[in-house]
Amino acid sequence: MSPSNPDDLVGPASRFPVSLPADATRVDFYREELAKHRKCLEQQREYFSEKVIGDVEAALTRLMARVDNLCSRENGDEIVSRLLREIDVVTRLSVWSDHKNSH
């Protein structure tokens, strides 16, 4: 399963007016999470096809470039959180993080 395209979820900018200023702390948090997913994906590269790797890397790159814009939308946190969960299906970062916390 490859992550959804942010454009598919948010549509053209004209359909969703920007209503909130992007909170720098929140944007930084999401960027850090995206960087963790990228690192986790790289560590698991041998287990995935090049297509899956390419699709997830492309999604991460697009999301990283648009996270500040997405966070400024009324439902931005919901959109970014959903995309992170979809990316987590591939990277399983949350599972790795849970194991670190339990030892």
N, C-alpha and C. Protein backbone atom coordinates (compact mmCIF):
# COMPACT_ATOMS: atom_id res chain seq x y z
N MET A 1 0.84 -1.18 0.00
CA MET A 1 0.00 0.00 0.00
C MET A 1 0.89 1.24 0.00
N SER A 2 0.73 2.10 -0.99
CA SER A 2 1.54 3.30 -0.99
C SER A 2 0.72 4.45 -0.40
N PRO A 3 1.43 5.40 0.23
CA PRO A 3 0.73 6.50 0.89
C PRO A 3 -0.08 7.33 -0.10
N SER A 4 -1.12 7.93 0.40
CA SER A 4 -1.95 8.81 -0.42
C SER A 4 -1.15 10.03 -0.84
N ASN A 5 -1.50 10.53 -1.97
CA ASN A 5 -0.91 11.76 -2.46
C ASN A 5 -1.55 12.91 -1.70
N PRO A 6 -0.75 13.82 -1.11
CA PRO A 6 -1.35 14.95 -0.39
C PRO A 6 -2.31 15.74 -1.26
N ASP A 7 -2.03 15.83 -2.57
CA ASP A 7 -2.93 16.56 -3.46
C ASP A 7 -4.30 15.90 -3.51
N ASP A 8 -4.33 14.57 -3.42
CA ASP A 8 -5.61 13.86 -3.43
C ASP A 8 -6.42 14.17 -2.18
N LEU A 9 -5.75 14.35 -1.06
CA LEU A 9 -6.44 14.58 0.19
C LEU A 9 -6.88 16.03 0.36
N VAL A 10 -6.07 16.96 -0.11
CA VAL A 10 -6.40 18.36 0.14
C VAL A 10 -6.97 19.05 -1.08
N GLY A 11 -6.81 18.49 -2.25
CA GLY A 11 -7.34 19.08 -3.46
C GLY A 11 -6.66 20.38 -3.81
N PRO A 12 -7.15 21.05 -4.82
CA PRO A 12 -6.56 22.34 -5.19
C PRO A 12 -6.66 23.34 -4.05
N ALA A 13 -5.66 24.20 -3.97
CA ALA A 13 -5.61 25.18 -2.87
C ALA A 13 -6.86 26.05 -2.83
N SER A 14 -7.45 26.32 -3.97
CA SER A 14 -8.62 27.20 -3.99
C SER A 14 -9.83 26.58 -3.30
N ARG A 15 -9.87 25.27 -3.18
CA ARG A 15 -11.01 24.60 -2.54
C ARG A 15 -10.94 24.67 -1.02
N PHE A 16 -9.74 24.83 -0.47
CA PHE A 16 -9.56 24.85 0.97
C PHE A 16 -8.82 26.11 1.37
N PRO A 17 -9.53 27.15 1.75
CA PRO A 17 -8.85 28.39 2.11
C PRO A 17 -7.99 28.20 3.36
N VAL A 18 -6.85 28.85 3.35
CA VAL A 18 -5.97 28.81 4.51
C VAL A 18 -6.63 29.63 5.60
N SER A 19 -6.80 29.02 6.78
CA SER A 19 -7.52 29.72 7.83
C SER A 19 -6.72 29.89 9.11
N LEU A 20 -5.61 29.20 9.24
CA LEU A 20 -4.81 29.29 10.46
C LEU A 20 -3.35 29.51 10.10
N PRO A 21 -2.63 30.34 10.87
CA PRO A 21 -1.20 30.45 10.62
C PRO A 21 -0.52 29.14 11.03
N ALA A 22 0.46 28.73 10.25
CA ALA A 22 1.18 27.50 10.57
C ALA A 22 2.01 27.73 11.83
N ASP A 23 1.83 26.89 12.82
CA ASP A 23 2.58 26.95 14.06
C ASP A 23 3.95 26.31 13.80
N ALA A 24 5.02 27.10 13.98
CA ALA A 24 6.37 26.63 13.66
C ALA A 24 6.74 25.38 14.47
N THR A 25 6.33 25.31 15.71
CA THR A 25 6.64 24.14 16.54
C THR A 25 5.98 22.89 15.99
N ARG A 26 4.74 23.03 15.59
CA ARG A 26 3.99 21.90 15.03
C ARG A 26 4.60 21.46 13.70
N VAL A 27 4.94 22.43 12.85
CA VAL A 27 5.55 22.12 11.56
C VAL A 27 6.89 21.42 11.78
N ASP A 28 7.70 21.92 12.71
CA ASP A 28 8.99 21.28 13.02
C ASP A 28 8.79 19.85 13.52
N PHE A 29 7.78 19.65 14.36
CA PHE A 29 7.49 18.30 14.85
C PHE A 29 7.20 17.36 13.69
N TYR A 30 6.32 17.78 12.78
CA TYR A 30 5.98 16.93 11.64
C TYR A 30 7.19 16.69 10.75
N ARG A 31 8.01 17.70 10.55
CA ARG A 31 9.22 17.51 9.74
C ARG A 31 10.16 16.49 10.39
N GLU A 32 10.29 16.55 11.71
CA GLU A 32 11.12 15.57 12.42
C GLU A 32 10.55 14.16 12.25
N GLU A 33 9.23 14.04 12.34
CA GLU A 33 8.60 12.73 12.16
C GLU A 33 8.84 12.21 10.74
N LEU A 34 8.72 13.08 9.76
CA LEU A 34 8.96 12.68 8.37
C LEU A 34 10.41 12.24 8.18
N ALA A 35 11.34 12.96 8.80
CA ALA A 35 12.76 12.59 8.71
C ALA A 35 12.99 11.22 9.36
N LYS A 36 12.32 10.95 10.48
CA LYS A 36 12.44 9.63 11.13
C LYS A 36 11.93 8.53 10.21
N HIS A 37 10.81 8.78 9.54
CA HIS A 37 10.27 7.79 8.61
C HIS A 37 11.24 7.55 7.46
N ARG A 38 11.84 8.62 6.95
CA ARG A 38 12.80 8.48 5.85
C ARG A 38 14.00 7.62 6.28
N LYS A 39 14.51 7.89 7.48
CA LYS A 39 15.65 7.13 8.00
C LYS A 39 15.26 5.67 8.21
N CYS A 40 14.09 5.44 8.77
CA CYS A 40 13.61 4.08 9.00
C CYS A 40 13.45 3.34 7.68
N LEU A 41 12.90 4.00 6.68
CA LEU A 41 12.74 3.39 5.37
C LEU A 41 14.10 3.02 4.79
N GLU A 42 15.07 3.90 4.91
CA GLU A 42 16.41 3.63 4.39
C GLU A 42 17.02 2.40 5.07
N GLN A 43 16.79 2.25 6.36
CA GLN A 43 17.33 1.10 7.10
C GLN A 43 16.68 -0.21 6.69
N GLN A 44 15.50 -0.13 6.08
CA GLN A 44 14.77 -1.34 5.67
C GLN A 44 14.75 -1.52 4.15
N ARG A 45 15.55 -0.75 3.45
CA ARG A 45 15.54 -0.73 1.98
C ARG A 45 15.59 -2.12 1.36
N GLU A 46 16.38 -3.00 1.91
CA GLU A 46 16.56 -4.34 1.33
C GLU A 46 15.27 -5.17 1.35
N TYR A 47 14.31 -4.79 2.16
CA TYR A 47 13.09 -5.59 2.30
C TYR A 47 11.95 -5.15 1.37
N PHE A 48 12.15 -4.05 0.65
CA PHE A 48 11.10 -3.51 -0.21
C PHE A 48 11.55 -3.43 -1.65
N SER A 49 10.58 -3.45 -2.55
CA SER A 49 10.88 -3.27 -3.97
C SER A 49 11.29 -1.81 -4.20
N GLU A 50 11.99 -1.59 -5.30
CA GLU A 50 12.38 -0.23 -5.64
C GLU A 50 11.16 0.66 -5.87
N LYS A 51 10.09 0.08 -6.38
CA LYS A 51 8.86 0.86 -6.60
C LYS A 51 8.30 1.37 -5.28
N VAL A 52 8.21 0.49 -4.29
CA VAL A 52 7.69 0.90 -2.98
C VAL A 52 8.60 1.97 -2.38
N ILE A 53 9.90 1.73 -2.43
CA ILE A 53 10.86 2.71 -1.90
C ILE A 53 10.67 4.05 -2.60
N GLY A 54 10.60 4.02 -3.93
CA GLY A 54 10.43 5.25 -4.70
C GLY A 54 9.13 5.96 -4.39
N ASP A 55 8.05 5.20 -4.28
CA ASP A 55 6.74 5.80 -3.97
C ASP A 55 6.74 6.47 -2.59
N VAL A 56 7.28 5.78 -1.60
CA VAL A 56 7.28 6.34 -0.25
C VAL A 56 8.24 7.53 -0.16
N GLU A 57 9.41 7.42 -0.80
CA GLU A 57 10.34 8.55 -0.79
C GLU A 57 9.71 9.77 -1.47
N ALA A 58 9.02 9.55 -2.58
CA ALA A 58 8.36 10.66 -3.28
C ALA A 58 7.28 11.28 -2.40
N ALA A 59 6.50 10.44 -1.72
CA ALA A 59 5.46 10.95 -0.82
C ALA A 59 6.08 11.75 0.33
N LEU A 60 7.17 11.24 0.90
CA LEU A 60 7.84 11.95 1.98
C LEU A 60 8.38 13.30 1.50
N THR A 61 8.96 13.32 0.31
CA THR A 61 9.49 14.56 -0.24
C THR A 61 8.38 15.58 -0.47
N ARG A 62 7.27 15.14 -1.06
CA ARG A 62 6.14 16.05 -1.30
C ARG A 62 5.57 16.56 0.01
N LEU A 63 5.41 15.67 0.96
CA LEU A 63 4.84 16.06 2.24
C LEU A 63 5.77 17.01 2.99
N MET A 64 7.07 16.73 2.95
CA MET A 64 8.04 17.61 3.61
C MET A 64 7.97 19.02 3.01
N ALA A 65 7.81 19.11 1.71
CA ALA A 65 7.76 20.41 1.04
C ALA A 65 6.46 21.16 1.34
N ARG A 66 5.40 20.43 1.66
CA ARG A 66 4.09 21.06 1.82
C ARG A 66 3.58 21.09 3.26
N VAL A 67 4.35 20.56 4.20
CA VAL A 67 3.83 20.41 5.56
C VAL A 67 3.44 21.75 6.18
N ASP A 68 4.19 22.81 5.91
CA ASP A 68 3.82 24.10 6.50
C ASP A 68 2.50 24.60 5.93
N ASN A 69 2.31 24.41 4.64
CA ASN A 69 1.04 24.81 4.01
C ASN A 69 -0.11 23.96 4.53
N LEU A 70 0.12 22.65 4.65
CA LEU A 70 -0.93 21.76 5.14
C LEU A 70 -1.32 22.10 6.58
N CYS A 71 -0.32 22.40 7.41
CA CYS A 71 -0.60 22.72 8.81
C CYS A 71 -1.38 24.02 8.97
N SER A 72 -1.34 24.88 7.97
CA SER A 72 -2.07 26.14 8.07
C SER A 72 -3.55 25.97 7.74
N ARG A 73 -3.92 24.83 7.25
CA ARG A 73 -5.33 24.57 6.92
C ARG A 73 -6.09 24.17 8.18
N GLU A 74 -7.37 24.41 8.15
CA GLU A 74 -8.21 24.11 9.32
C GLU A 74 -8.09 22.64 9.73
N ASN A 75 -8.03 21.74 8.77
CA ASN A 75 -7.93 20.31 9.05
C ASN A 75 -6.52 19.78 8.79
N GLY A 76 -5.53 20.66 8.84
CA GLY A 76 -4.15 20.30 8.51
C GLY A 76 -3.57 19.21 9.39
N ASP A 77 -3.78 19.31 10.69
CA ASP A 77 -3.25 18.27 11.58
C ASP A 77 -3.84 16.91 11.24
N GLU A 78 -5.11 16.89 10.93
CA GLU A 78 -5.78 15.65 10.56
C GLU A 78 -5.17 15.07 9.28
N ILE A 79 -4.93 15.92 8.30
CA ILE A 79 -4.37 15.47 7.03
C ILE A 79 -2.96 14.92 7.22
N VAL A 80 -2.10 15.69 7.89
CA VAL A 80 -0.72 15.27 8.07
C VAL A 80 -0.66 14.01 8.94
N SER A 81 -1.46 13.94 9.97
CA SER A 81 -1.49 12.75 10.83
C SER A 81 -1.92 11.52 10.04
N ARG A 82 -2.91 11.69 9.20
CA ARG A 82 -3.38 10.56 8.38
C ARG A 82 -2.28 10.09 7.44
N LEU A 83 -1.59 11.03 6.81
CA LEU A 83 -0.51 10.66 5.90
C LEU A 83 0.63 9.97 6.64
N LEU A 84 0.95 10.45 7.83
CA LEU A 84 1.99 9.80 8.63
C LEU A 84 1.59 8.37 8.99
N ARG A 85 0.32 8.16 9.32
CA ARG A 85 -0.13 6.80 9.63
C ARG A 85 -0.02 5.90 8.40
N GLU A 86 -0.34 6.44 7.24
CA GLU A 86 -0.24 5.65 6.01
C GLU A 86 1.22 5.31 5.71
N ILE A 87 2.11 6.25 5.92
CA ILE A 87 3.54 6.00 5.71
C ILE A 87 4.03 4.98 6.73
N ASP A 88 3.50 5.05 7.94
CA ASP A 88 3.90 4.12 9.00
C ASP A 88 3.53 2.67 8.66
N VAL A 89 2.52 2.48 7.84
CA VAL A 89 2.16 1.12 7.40
C VAL A 89 3.35 0.48 6.70
N VAL A 90 4.12 1.28 5.97
CA VAL A 90 5.29 0.77 5.25
C VAL A 90 6.51 0.75 6.16
N THR A 91 6.82 1.88 6.80
CA THR A 91 8.07 1.97 7.57
C THR A 91 7.99 1.25 8.91
N ARG A 92 6.78 1.16 9.48
CA ARG A 92 6.56 0.55 10.80
C ARG A 92 7.40 1.22 11.89
N LEU A 93 7.63 2.51 11.72
CA LEU A 93 8.39 3.27 12.70
C LEU A 93 7.76 3.20 14.08
N SER A 94 6.45 3.23 14.16
CA SER A 94 5.78 3.19 15.47
C SER A 94 6.08 1.89 16.20
N VAL A 95 6.21 0.80 15.47
CA VAL A 95 6.54 -0.49 16.08
C VAL A 95 7.97 -0.45 16.61
N TRP A 96 8.89 0.10 15.83
CA TRP A 96 10.28 0.20 16.27
C TRP A 96 10.37 1.09 17.50
N SER A 97 9.64 2.19 17.51
CA SER A 97 9.66 3.11 18.64
C SER A 97 9.09 2.46 19.89
N ASP A 98 8.03 1.66 19.74
CA ASP A 98 7.44 0.95 20.87
C ASP A 98 8.43 -0.02 21.49
N HIS A 99 9.22 -0.70 20.66
CA HIS A 99 10.21 -1.64 21.17
C HIS A 99 11.31 -0.92 21.94
N LYS A 100 11.73 0.24 21.47
CA LYS A 100 12.76 1.01 22.17
C LYS A 100 12.27 1.44 23.54
N ASN A 101 11.00 1.82 23.63
CA ASN A 101 10.44 2.29 24.89
C ASN A 101 10.19 1.16 25.88
N SER A 102 10.04 -0.07 25.40
CA SER A 102 9.71 -1.17 26.30
C SER A 102 10.94 -1.87 26.86
N HIS A 103 12.12 -1.55 26.37
CA HIS A 103 13.34 -2.20 26.87
C HIS A 103 14.11 -1.33 27.81
